[in-house]
Amino acid sequence: MATTPNRPIHWTKLAGTALVVTLFLYFIDEGRYSLSGLFTVGNLVAMSFYLLGLLVGLFGIAVLFARHEPSFGRTAMVLMLGSAVGVMLTVAFFYLLHGAATTH
């Protein structure tokens, strides 16, 4: 029985996707459609949480799909599903953080 070797998606593609999605989320945030103000401390902290969540989501999904046959479809699925999971992880983190702050 032949097995498919692990052929992970290169980390630069995953990290680049996380960065682009993070910048896109900042760009559309609250209808500003601008990257102005990105480098203020508060925005950098918030966007770093999104970047970290996206990295966890993308790398986690990439590990799950590593045994699948390398193809454009696998890469697209990892990038889309990993981005969605990463955003959901970050939103859940902020929700839990907000819940913890309001209960005390």
PDB file of N, CA and C in Angstrom:
ATOM      1  N   MET A   1       0.839  -1.170   0.000  1.00  0.00           N
ATOM      2  CA  MET A   1       0.000   0.000   0.000  1.00  0.00           C
ATOM      3  C   MET A   1       0.890   1.240   0.000  1.00  0.00           C
ATOM      4  N   ALA A   2       0.706   2.080  -1.003  1.00  0.00           N
ATOM      5  CA  ALA A   2       1.496   3.300  -1.109  1.00  0.00           C
ATOM      6  C   ALA A   2       0.851   4.407  -0.289  1.00  0.00           C
ATOM      7  N   THR A   3       1.689   5.152   0.376  1.00  0.00           N
ATOM      8  CA  THR A   3       1.173   6.281   1.148  1.00  0.00           C
ATOM      9  C   THR A   3       1.706   7.568   0.532  1.00  0.00           C
ATOM     10  N   THR A   4       0.936   8.616   0.673  1.00  0.00           N
ATOM     11  CA  THR A   4       1.353   9.919   0.194  1.00  0.00           C
ATOM     12  C   THR A   4       2.299  10.532   1.220  1.00  0.00           C
ATOM     13  N   PRO A   5       3.477  10.930   0.777  1.00  0.00           N
ATOM     14  CA  PRO A   5       4.402  11.534   1.732  1.00  0.00           C
ATOM     15  C   PRO A   5       3.871  12.889   2.203  1.00  0.00           C
ATOM     16  N   ASN A   6       4.308  13.272   3.390  1.00  0.00           N
ATOM     17  CA  ASN A   6       3.937  14.594   3.894  1.00  0.00           C
ATOM     18  C   ASN A   6       4.564  15.648   2.992  1.00  0.00           C
ATOM     19  N   ARG A   7       3.729  16.462   2.403  1.00  0.00           N
ATOM     20  CA  ARG A   7       4.204  17.566   1.570  1.00  0.00           C
ATOM     21  C   ARG A   7       3.511  18.827   2.053  1.00  0.00           C
ATOM     22  N   PRO A   8       4.009  19.400   3.133  1.00  0.00           N
ATOM     23  CA  PRO A   8       3.332  20.571   3.698  1.00  0.00           C
ATOM     24  C   PRO A   8       3.415  21.772   2.759  1.00  0.00           C
ATOM     25  N   ILE A   9       2.462  22.658   2.932  1.00  0.00           N
ATOM     26  CA  ILE A   9       2.489  23.929   2.218  1.00  0.00           C
ATOM     27  C   ILE A   9       3.576  24.777   2.867  1.00  0.00           C
ATOM     28  N   HIS A  10       4.363  25.444   2.044  1.00  0.00           N
ATOM     29  CA  HIS A  10       5.492  26.206   2.557  1.00  0.00           C
ATOM     30  C   HIS A  10       5.018  27.268   3.543  1.00  0.00           C
ATOM     31  N   TRP A  11       5.767  27.446   4.607  1.00  0.00           N
ATOM     32  CA  TRP A  11       5.371  28.349   5.686  1.00  0.00           C
ATOM     33  C   TRP A  11       5.241  29.791   5.222  1.00  0.00           C
ATOM     34  N   THR A  12       5.988  30.195   4.194  1.00  0.00           N
ATOM     35  CA  THR A  12       5.895  31.573   3.719  1.00  0.00           C
ATOM     36  C   THR A  12       4.525  31.859   3.100  1.00  0.00           C
ATOM     37  N   LYS A  13       3.951  30.866   2.451  1.00  0.00           N
ATOM     38  CA  LYS A  13       2.622  31.038   1.871  1.00  0.00           C
ATOM     39  C   LYS A  13       1.578  31.186   2.983  1.00  0.00           C
ATOM     40  N   LEU A  14       1.726  30.420   4.047  1.00  0.00           N
ATOM     41  CA  LEU A  14       0.798  30.507   5.168  1.00  0.00           C
ATOM     42  C   LEU A  14       0.953  31.838   5.908  1.00  0.00           C
ATOM     43  N   ALA A  15       2.184  32.238   6.180  1.00  0.00           N
ATOM     44  CA  ALA A  15       2.426  33.491   6.893  1.00  0.00           C
ATOM     45  C   ALA A  15       2.014  34.694   6.046  1.00  0.00           C
ATOM     46  N   GLY A  16       2.280  34.630   4.752  1.00  0.00           N
ATOM     47  CA  GLY A  16       1.868  35.716   3.855  1.00  0.00           C
ATOM     48  C   GLY A  16       0.359  35.857   3.793  1.00  0.00           C
ATOM     49  N   THR A  17      -0.341  34.730   3.756  1.00  0.00           N
ATOM     50  CA  THR A  17      -1.799  34.756   3.752  1.00  0.00           C
ATOM     51  C   THR A  17      -2.322  35.358   5.050  1.00  0.00           C
ATOM     52  N   ALA A  18      -1.727  34.965   6.170  1.00  0.00           N
ATOM     53  CA  ALA A  18      -2.146  35.517   7.466  1.00  0.00           C
ATOM     54  C   ALA A  18      -1.950  37.030   7.488  1.00  0.00           C
ATOM     55  N   LEU A  19      -0.842  37.517   6.968  1.00  0.00           N
ATOM     56  CA  LEU A  19      -0.571  38.951   6.944  1.00  0.00           C
ATOM     57  C   LEU A  19      -1.555  39.682   6.032  1.00  0.00           C
ATOM     58  N   VAL A  20      -1.803  39.142   4.845  1.00  0.00           N
ATOM     59  CA  VAL A  20      -2.718  39.789   3.904  1.00  0.00           C
ATOM     60  C   VAL A  20      -4.135  39.830   4.472  1.00  0.00           C
ATOM     61  N   VAL A  21      -4.597  38.738   5.070  1.00  0.00           N
ATOM     62  CA  VAL A  21      -5.949  38.703   5.646  1.00  0.00           C
ATOM     63  C   VAL A  21      -6.039  39.680   6.818  1.00  0.00           C
ATOM     64  N   THR A  22      -5.010  39.744   7.644  1.00  0.00           N
ATOM     65  CA  THR A  22      -5.004  40.691   8.760  1.00  0.00           C
ATOM     66  C   THR A  22      -5.091  42.127   8.262  1.00  0.00           C
ATOM     67  N   LEU A  23      -4.307  42.465   7.252  1.00  0.00           N
ATOM     68  CA  LEU A  23      -4.354  43.816   6.697  1.00  0.00           C
ATOM     69  C   LEU A  23      -5.710  44.100   6.047  1.00  0.00           C
ATOM     70  N   PHE A  24      -6.296  43.100   5.394  1.00  0.00           N
ATOM     71  CA  PHE A  24      -7.624  43.268   4.800  1.00  0.00           C
ATOM     72  C   PHE A  24      -8.666  43.534   5.882  1.00  0.00           C
ATOM     73  N   LEU A  25      -8.595  42.791   6.972  1.00  0.00           N
ATOM     74  CA  LEU A  25      -9.539  43.008   8.069  1.00  0.00           C
ATOM     75  C   LEU A  25      -9.395  44.408   8.645  1.00  0.00           C
ATOM     76  N   TYR A  26      -8.180  44.889   8.775  1.00  0.00           N
ATOM     77  CA  TYR A  26      -7.977  46.253   9.260  1.00  0.00           C
ATOM     78  C   TYR A  26      -8.508  47.261   8.245  1.00  0.00           C
ATOM     79  N   PHE A  27      -8.279  46.997   6.964  1.00  0.00           N
ATOM     80  CA  PHE A  27      -8.704  47.896   5.893  1.00  0.00           C
ATOM     81  C   PHE A  27     -10.218  48.091   5.888  1.00  0.00           C
ATOM     82  N   ILE A  28     -10.974  47.013   6.084  1.00  0.00           N
ATOM     83  CA  ILE A  28     -12.434  47.117   6.039  1.00  0.00           C
ATOM     84  C   ILE A  28     -13.051  47.433   7.396  1.00  0.00           C
ATOM     85  N   ASP A  29     -12.239  47.473   8.438  1.00  0.00           N
ATOM     86  CA  ASP A  29     -12.743  47.694   9.791  1.00  0.00           C
ATOM     87  C   ASP A  29     -13.520  48.994   9.883  1.00  0.00           C
ATOM     88  N   GLU A  30     -14.740  48.905  10.353  1.00  0.00           N
ATOM     89  CA  GLU A  30     -15.612  50.046  10.604  1.00  0.00           C
ATOM     90  C   GLU A  30     -15.788  50.952   9.396  1.00  0.00           C
ATOM     91  N   GLY A  31     -15.650  50.414   8.200  1.00  0.00           N
ATOM     92  CA  GLY A  31     -15.922  51.173   6.985  1.00  0.00           C
ATOM     93  C   GLY A  31     -14.927  52.265   6.652  1.00  0.00           C
ATOM     94  N   ARG A  32     -13.728  52.200   7.218  1.00  0.00           N
ATOM     95  CA  ARG A  32     -12.734  53.244   6.944  1.00  0.00           C
ATOM     96  C   ARG A  32     -12.102  53.085   5.570  1.00  0.00           C
ATOM     97  N   TYR A  33     -11.917  51.855   5.129  1.00  0.00           N
ATOM     98  CA  TYR A  33     -11.292  51.531   3.840  1.00  0.00           C
ATOM     99  C   TYR A  33      -9.971  52.264   3.666  1.00  0.00           C
ATOM    100  N   SER A  34      -9.150  52.148   4.693  1.00  0.00           N
ATOM    101  CA  SER A  34      -7.852  52.798   4.705  1.00  0.00           C
ATOM    102  C   SER A  34      -6.951  52.064   5.689  1.00  0.00           C
ATOM    103  N   LEU A  35      -5.659  52.134   5.440  1.00  0.00           N
ATOM    104  CA  LEU A  35      -4.698  51.558   6.381  1.00  0.00           C
ATOM    105  C   LEU A  35      -4.090  52.636   7.275  1.00  0.00           C
ATOM    106  N   SER A  36      -4.637  53.850   7.213  1.00  0.00           N
ATOM    107  CA  SER A  36      -4.098  54.921   8.051  1.00  0.00           C
ATOM    108  C   SER A  36      -4.364  54.606   9.528  1.00  0.00           C
ATOM    109  N   GLY A  37      -3.411  54.918  10.344  1.00  0.00           N
ATOM    110  CA  GLY A  37      -3.531  54.665  11.768  1.00  0.00           C
ATOM    111  C   GLY A  37      -3.158  53.257  12.179  1.00  0.00           C
ATOM    112  N   LEU A  38      -2.682  52.459  11.245  1.00  0.00           N
ATOM    113  CA  LEU A  38      -2.334  51.067  11.556  1.00  0.00           C
ATOM    114  C   LEU A  38      -1.229  50.980  12.595  1.00  0.00           C
ATOM    115  N   PHE A  39      -0.287  51.905  12.544  1.00  0.00           N
ATOM    116  CA  PHE A  39       0.892  51.796  13.405  1.00  0.00           C
ATOM    117  C   PHE A  39       0.745  52.497  14.747  1.00  0.00           C
ATOM    118  N   THR A  40      -0.479  52.699  15.213  1.00  0.00           N
ATOM    119  CA  THR A  40      -0.675  53.158  16.583  1.00  0.00           C
ATOM    120  C   THR A  40      -0.609  51.932  17.490  1.00  0.00           C
ATOM    121  N   VAL A  41      -0.264  52.127  18.721  1.00  0.00           N
ATOM    122  CA  VAL A  41      -0.049  51.013  19.645  1.00  0.00           C
ATOM    123  C   VAL A  41      -1.299  50.146  19.777  1.00  0.00           C
ATOM    124  N   GLY A  42      -2.442  50.766  19.981  1.00  0.00           N
ATOM    125  CA  GLY A  42      -3.677  50.011  20.169  1.00  0.00           C
ATOM    126  C   GLY A  42      -4.032  49.161  18.958  1.00  0.00           C
ATOM    127  N   ASN A  43      -3.877  49.736  17.764  1.00  0.00           N
ATOM    128  CA  ASN A  43      -4.188  48.980  16.554  1.00  0.00           C
ATOM    129  C   ASN A  43      -3.183  47.858  16.314  1.00  0.00           C
ATOM    130  N   LEU A  44      -1.926  48.115  16.595  1.00  0.00           N
ATOM    131  CA  LEU A  44      -0.918  47.064  16.424  1.00  0.00           C
ATOM    132  C   LEU A  44      -1.172  45.892  17.365  1.00  0.00           C
ATOM    133  N   VAL A  45      -1.584  46.180  18.585  1.00  0.00           N
ATOM    134  CA  VAL A  45      -1.877  45.105  19.538  1.00  0.00           C
ATOM    135  C   VAL A  45      -3.067  44.285  19.055  1.00  0.00           C
ATOM    136  N   ALA A  46      -4.143  44.955  18.661  1.00  0.00           N
ATOM    137  CA  ALA A  46      -5.336  44.241  18.195  1.00  0.00           C
ATOM    138  C   ALA A  46      -5.032  43.431  16.937  1.00  0.00           C
ATOM    139  N   MET A  47      -4.322  44.015  15.995  1.00  0.00           N
ATOM    140  CA  MET A  47      -4.016  43.300  14.755  1.00  0.00           C
ATOM    141  C   MET A  47      -3.029  42.155  14.991  1.00  0.00           C
ATOM    142  N   SER A  48      -2.183  42.284  16.008  1.00  0.00           N
ATOM    143  CA  SER A  48      -1.265  41.178  16.306  1.00  0.00           C
ATOM    144  C   SER A  48      -2.040  39.957  16.814  1.00  0.00           C
ATOM    145  N   PHE A  49      -3.156  40.200  17.540  1.00  0.00           N
ATOM    146  CA  PHE A  49      -3.988  39.077  17.956  1.00  0.00           C
ATOM    147  C   PHE A  49      -4.617  38.395  16.744  1.00  0.00           C
ATOM    148  N   TYR A  50      -5.090  39.189  15.799  1.00  0.00           N
ATOM    149  CA  TYR A  50      -5.652  38.603  14.579  1.00  0.00           C
ATOM    150  C   TYR A  50      -4.582  37.852  13.802  1.00  0.00           C
ATOM    151  N   LEU A  51      -3.395  38.430  13.686  1.00  0.00           N
ATOM    152  CA  LEU A  51      -2.312  37.758  12.972  1.00  0.00           C
ATOM    153  C   LEU A  51      -1.955  36.437  13.645  1.00  0.00           C
ATOM    154  N   LEU A  52      -1.856  36.438  14.963  1.00  0.00           N
ATOM    155  CA  LEU A  52      -1.533  35.211  15.694  1.00  0.00           C
ATOM    156  C   LEU A  52      -2.630  34.158  15.521  1.00  0.00           C
ATOM    157  N   GLY A  53      -3.895  34.580  15.632  1.00  0.00           N
ATOM    158  CA  GLY A  53      -4.998  33.646  15.437  1.00  0.00           C
ATOM    159  C   GLY A  53      -5.003  33.057  14.038  1.00  0.00           C
ATOM    160  N   LEU A  54      -4.748  33.894  13.036  1.00  0.00           N
ATOM    161  CA  LEU A  54      -4.695  33.409  11.660  1.00  0.00           C
ATOM    162  C   LEU A  54      -3.532  32.443  11.459  1.00  0.00           C
ATOM    163  N   LEU A  55      -2.397  32.745  12.045  1.00  0.00           N
ATOM    164  CA  LEU A  55      -1.248  31.834  11.928  1.00  0.00           C
ATOM    165  C   LEU A  55      -1.575  30.470  12.544  1.00  0.00           C
ATOM    166  N   VAL A  56      -2.187  30.473  13.722  1.00  0.00           N
ATOM    167  CA  VAL A  56      -2.563  29.209  14.372  1.00  0.00           C
ATOM    168  C   VAL A  56      -3.560  28.444  13.506  1.00  0.00           C
ATOM    169  N   GLY A  57      -4.570  29.144  13.006  1.00  0.00           N
ATOM    170  CA  GLY A  57      -5.570  28.494  12.167  1.00  0.00           C
ATOM    171  C   GLY A  57      -4.981  27.935  10.882  1.00  0.00           C
ATOM    172  N   LEU A  58      -4.176  28.724  10.202  1.00  0.00           N
ATOM    173  CA  LEU A  58      -3.586  28.280   8.930  1.00  0.00           C
ATOM    174  C   LEU A  58      -2.608  27.126   9.123  1.00  0.00           C
ATOM    175  N   PHE A  59      -1.717  27.246  10.106  1.00  0.00           N
ATOM    176  CA  PHE A  59      -0.753  26.166  10.318  1.00  0.00           C
ATOM    177  C   PHE A  59      -1.440  24.905  10.829  1.00  0.00           C
ATOM    178  N   GLY A  60      -2.477  25.052  11.652  1.00  0.00           N
ATOM    179  CA  GLY A  60      -3.221  23.890  12.137  1.00  0.00           C
ATOM    180  C   GLY A  60      -3.924  23.148  11.015  1.00  0.00           C
ATOM    181  N   ILE A  61      -4.598  23.882  10.145  1.00  0.00           N
ATOM    182  CA  ILE A  61      -5.287  23.248   9.013  1.00  0.00           C
ATOM    183  C   ILE A  61      -4.268  22.661   8.039  1.00  0.00           C
ATOM    184  N   ALA A  62      -3.139  23.336   7.849  1.00  0.00           N
ATOM    185  CA  ALA A  62      -2.096  22.809   6.961  1.00  0.00           C
ATOM    186  C   ALA A  62      -1.575  21.466   7.462  1.00  0.00           C
ATOM    187  N   VAL A  63      -1.432  21.331   8.779  1.00  0.00           N
ATOM    188  CA  VAL A  63      -0.981  20.051   9.344  1.00  0.00           C
ATOM    189  C   VAL A  63      -2.031  18.962   9.099  1.00  0.00           C
ATOM    190  N   LEU A  64      -3.304  19.322   9.254  1.00  0.00           N
ATOM    191  CA  LEU A  64      -4.371  18.341   9.026  1.00  0.00           C
ATOM    192  C   LEU A  64      -4.432  17.869   7.574  1.00  0.00           C
ATOM    193  N   PHE A  65      -4.116  18.754   6.635  1.00  0.00           N
ATOM    194  CA  PHE A  65      -4.203  18.420   5.216  1.00  0.00           C
ATOM    195  C   PHE A  65      -2.866  17.995   4.611  1.00  0.00           C
ATOM    196  N   ALA A  66      -1.834  17.872   5.418  1.00  0.00           N
ATOM    197  CA  ALA A  66      -0.488  17.579   4.897  1.00  0.00           C
ATOM    198  C   ALA A  66      -0.407  16.236   4.184  1.00  0.00           C
ATOM    199  N   ARG A  67      -1.202  15.262   4.579  1.00  0.00           N
ATOM    200  CA  ARG A  67      -1.137  13.936   3.955  1.00  0.00           C
ATOM    201  C   ARG A  67      -1.926  13.839   2.658  1.00  0.00           C
ATOM    202  N   HIS A  68      -2.740  14.851   2.381  1.00  0.00           N
ATOM    203  CA  HIS A  68      -3.482  14.842   1.122  1.00  0.00           C
ATOM    204  C   HIS A  68      -2.542  15.113  -0.044  1.00  0.00           C
ATOM    205  N   GLU A  69      -2.929  14.648  -1.197  1.00  0.00           N
ATOM    206  CA  GLU A  69      -2.128  14.827  -2.409  1.00  0.00           C
ATOM    207  C   GLU A  69      -1.914  16.322  -2.671  1.00  0.00           C
ATOM    208  N   PRO A  70      -0.663  16.748  -2.831  1.00  0.00           N
ATOM    209  CA  PRO A  70      -0.410  18.168  -3.096  1.00  0.00           C
ATOM    210  C   PRO A  70      -1.097  18.608  -4.393  1.00  0.00           C
ATOM    211  N   SER A  71      -1.848  19.666  -4.327  1.00  0.00           N
ATOM    212  CA  SER A  71      -2.545  20.192  -5.503  1.00  0.00           C
ATOM    213  C   SER A  71      -2.991  21.611  -5.223  1.00  0.00           C
ATOM    214  N   PHE A  72      -3.449  22.271  -6.273  1.00  0.00           N
ATOM    215  CA  PHE A  72      -3.989  23.613  -6.122  1.00  0.00           C
ATOM    216  C   PHE A  72      -5.208  23.586  -5.208  1.00  0.00           C
ATOM    217  N   GLY A  73      -6.044  22.565  -5.360  1.00  0.00           N
ATOM    218  CA  GLY A  73      -7.248  22.446  -4.544  1.00  0.00           C
ATOM    219  C   GLY A  73      -6.940  22.321  -3.066  1.00  0.00           C
ATOM    220  N   ARG A  74      -5.929  21.523  -2.735  1.00  0.00           N
ATOM    221  CA  ARG A  74      -5.553  21.376  -1.328  1.00  0.00           C
ATOM    222  C   ARG A  74      -5.042  22.697  -0.771  1.00  0.00           C
ATOM    223  N   THR A  75      -4.219  23.379  -1.535  1.00  0.00           N
ATOM    224  CA  THR A  75      -3.686  24.654  -1.082  1.00  0.00           C
ATOM    225  C   THR A  75      -4.803  25.673  -0.886  1.00  0.00           C
ATOM    226  N   ALA A  76      -5.712  25.750  -1.839  1.00  0.00           N
ATOM    227  CA  ALA A  76      -6.838  26.689  -1.726  1.00  0.00           C
ATOM    228  C   ALA A  76      -7.700  26.355  -0.515  1.00  0.00           C
ATOM    229  N   MET A  77      -7.953  25.066  -0.293  1.00  0.00           N
ATOM    230  CA  MET A  77      -8.774  24.653   0.839  1.00  0.00           C
ATOM    231  C   MET A  77      -8.093  25.008   2.163  1.00  0.00           C
ATOM    232  N   VAL A  78      -6.805  24.776   2.255  1.00  0.00           N
ATOM    233  CA  VAL A  78      -6.065  25.100   3.484  1.00  0.00           C
ATOM    234  C   VAL A  78      -6.096  26.604   3.741  1.00  0.00           C
ATOM    235  N   LEU A  79      -5.880  27.401   2.698  1.00  0.00           N
ATOM    236  CA  LEU A  79      -5.849  28.848   2.884  1.00  0.00           C
ATOM    237  C   LEU A  79      -7.220  29.397   3.260  1.00  0.00           C
ATOM    238  N   MET A  80      -8.274  28.907   2.629  1.00  0.00           N
ATOM    239  CA  MET A  80      -9.622  29.409   2.949  1.00  0.00           C
ATOM    240  C   MET A  80     -10.094  28.910   4.311  1.00  0.00           C
ATOM    241  N   LEU A  81      -9.985  27.618   4.542  1.00  0.00           N
ATOM    242  CA  LEU A  81     -10.446  27.043   5.799  1.00  0.00           C
ATOM    243  C   LEU A  81      -9.592  27.520   6.972  1.00  0.00           C
ATOM    244  N   GLY A  82      -8.282  27.589   6.762  1.00  0.00           N
ATOM    245  CA  GLY A  82      -7.379  28.066   7.811  1.00  0.00           C
ATOM    246  C   GLY A  82      -7.633  29.518   8.173  1.00  0.00           C
ATOM    247  N   SER A  83      -7.932  30.345   7.177  1.00  0.00           N
ATOM    248  CA  SER A  83      -8.247  31.745   7.447  1.00  0.00           C
ATOM    249  C   SER A  83      -9.537  31.863   8.241  1.00  0.00           C
ATOM    250  N   ALA A  84     -10.548  31.094   7.851  1.00  0.00           N
ATOM    251  CA  ALA A  84     -11.826  31.132   8.572  1.00  0.00           C
ATOM    252  C   ALA A  84     -11.651  30.665  10.017  1.00  0.00           C
ATOM    253  N   VAL A  85     -10.931  29.581  10.194  1.00  0.00           N
ATOM    254  CA  VAL A  85     -10.694  29.060  11.550  1.00  0.00           C
ATOM    255  C   VAL A  85      -9.894  30.071  12.369  1.00  0.00           C
ATOM    256  N   GLY A  86      -8.898  30.686  11.767  1.00  0.00           N
ATOM    257  CA  GLY A  86      -8.086  31.671  12.478  1.00  0.00           C
ATOM    258  C   GLY A  86      -8.886  32.871  12.931  1.00  0.00           C
ATOM    259  N   VAL A  87      -9.762  33.379  12.062  1.00  0.00           N
ATOM    260  CA  VAL A  87     -10.601  34.518  12.448  1.00  0.00           C
ATOM    261  C   VAL A  87     -11.559  34.103  13.557  1.00  0.00           C
ATOM    262  N   MET A  88     -12.134  32.913  13.435  1.00  0.00           N
ATOM    263  CA  MET A  88     -13.055  32.439  14.479  1.00  0.00           C
ATOM    264  C   MET A  88     -12.341  32.275  15.814  1.00  0.00           C
ATOM    265  N   LEU A  89     -11.118  31.770  15.800  1.00  0.00           N
ATOM    266  CA  LEU A  89     -10.346  31.644  17.038  1.00  0.00           C
ATOM    267  C   LEU A  89     -10.108  33.016  17.679  1.00  0.00           C
ATOM    268  N   THR A  90      -9.772  33.993  16.857  1.00  0.00           N
ATOM    269  CA  THR A  90      -9.501  35.330  17.381  1.00  0.00           C
ATOM    270  C   THR A  90     -10.759  35.972  17.932  1.00  0.00           C
ATOM    271  N   VAL A  91     -11.867  35.850  17.206  1.00  0.00           N
ATOM    272  CA  VAL A  91     -13.128  36.418  17.679  1.00  0.00           C
ATOM    273  C   VAL A  91     -13.549  35.731  18.985  1.00  0.00           C
ATOM    274  N   ALA A  92     -13.379  34.411  19.058  1.00  0.00           N
ATOM    275  CA  ALA A  92     -13.713  33.685  20.288  1.00  0.00           C
ATOM    276  C   ALA A  92     -12.827  34.153  21.440  1.00  0.00           C
ATOM    277  N   PHE A  93     -11.552  34.396  21.172  1.00  0.00           N
ATOM    278  CA  PHE A  93     -10.639  34.899  22.201  1.00  0.00           C
ATOM    279  C   PHE A  93     -11.098  36.260  22.717  1.00  0.00           C
ATOM    280  N   PHE A  94     -11.437  37.172  21.786  1.00  0.00           N
ATOM    281  CA  PHE A  94     -11.917  38.492  22.199  1.00  0.00           C
ATOM    282  C   PHE A  94     -13.235  38.383  22.959  1.00  0.00           C
ATOM    283  N   TYR A  95     -14.105  37.488  22.548  1.00  0.00           N
ATOM    284  CA  TYR A  95     -15.384  37.289  23.232  1.00  0.00           C
ATOM    285  C   TYR A  95     -15.151  36.803  24.662  1.00  0.00           C
ATOM    286  N   LEU A  96     -14.260  35.820  24.821  1.00  0.00           N
ATOM    287  CA  LEU A  96     -13.948  35.312  26.155  1.00  0.00           C
ATOM    288  C   LEU A  96     -13.262  36.380  27.008  1.00  0.00           C
ATOM    289  N   LEU A  97     -12.394  37.159  26.397  1.00  0.00           N
ATOM    290  CA  LEU A  97     -11.712  38.226  27.113  1.00  0.00           C
ATOM    291  C   LEU A  97     -12.718  39.286  27.570  1.00  0.00           C
ATOM    292  N   HIS A  98     -13.649  39.614  26.705  1.00  0.00           N
ATOM    293  CA  HIS A  98     -14.696  40.587  27.064  1.00  0.00           C
ATOM    294  C   HIS A  98     -15.588  40.041  28.164  1.00  0.00           C
ATOM    295  N   GLY A  99     -15.933  38.760  28.083  1.00  0.00           N
ATOM    296  CA  GLY A  99     -16.771  38.125  29.115  1.00  0.00           C
ATOM    297  C   GLY A  99     -16.075  38.102  30.458  1.00  0.00           C
ATOM    298  N   ALA A 100     -14.781  37.839  30.455  1.00  0.00           N
ATOM    299  CA  ALA A 100     -14.015  37.820  31.709  1.00  0.00           C
ATOM    300  C   ALA A 100     -13.920  39.211  32.315  1.00  0.00           C
ATOM    301  N   ALA A 101     -13.834  40.225  31.456  1.00  0.00           N
ATOM    302  CA  ALA A 101     -13.714  41.598  31.966  1.00  0.00           C
ATOM    303  C   ALA A 101     -15.035  42.117  32.518  1.00  0.00           C
ATOM    304  N   THR A 102     -16.153  41.645  31.991  1.00  0.00           N
ATOM    305  CA  THR A 102     -17.439  42.169  32.437  1.00  0.00           C
ATOM    306  C   THR A 102     -17.973  41.425  33.664  1.00  0.00           C
ATOM    307  N   THR A 103     -17.439  40.262  33.983  1.00  0.00           N
ATOM    308  CA  THR A 103     -17.935  39.499  35.134  1.00  0.00           C
ATOM    309  C   THR A 103     -17.264  39.923  36.436  1.00  0.00           C
ATOM    310  N   HIS A 104     -16.180  40.674  36.358  1.00  0.00           N
ATOM    311  CA  HIS A 104     -15.465  41.086  37.574  1.00  0.00           C
ATOM    312  C   HIS A 104     -15.726  42.500  37.911  1.00  0.00           C
TER     313      HIS A 104
END
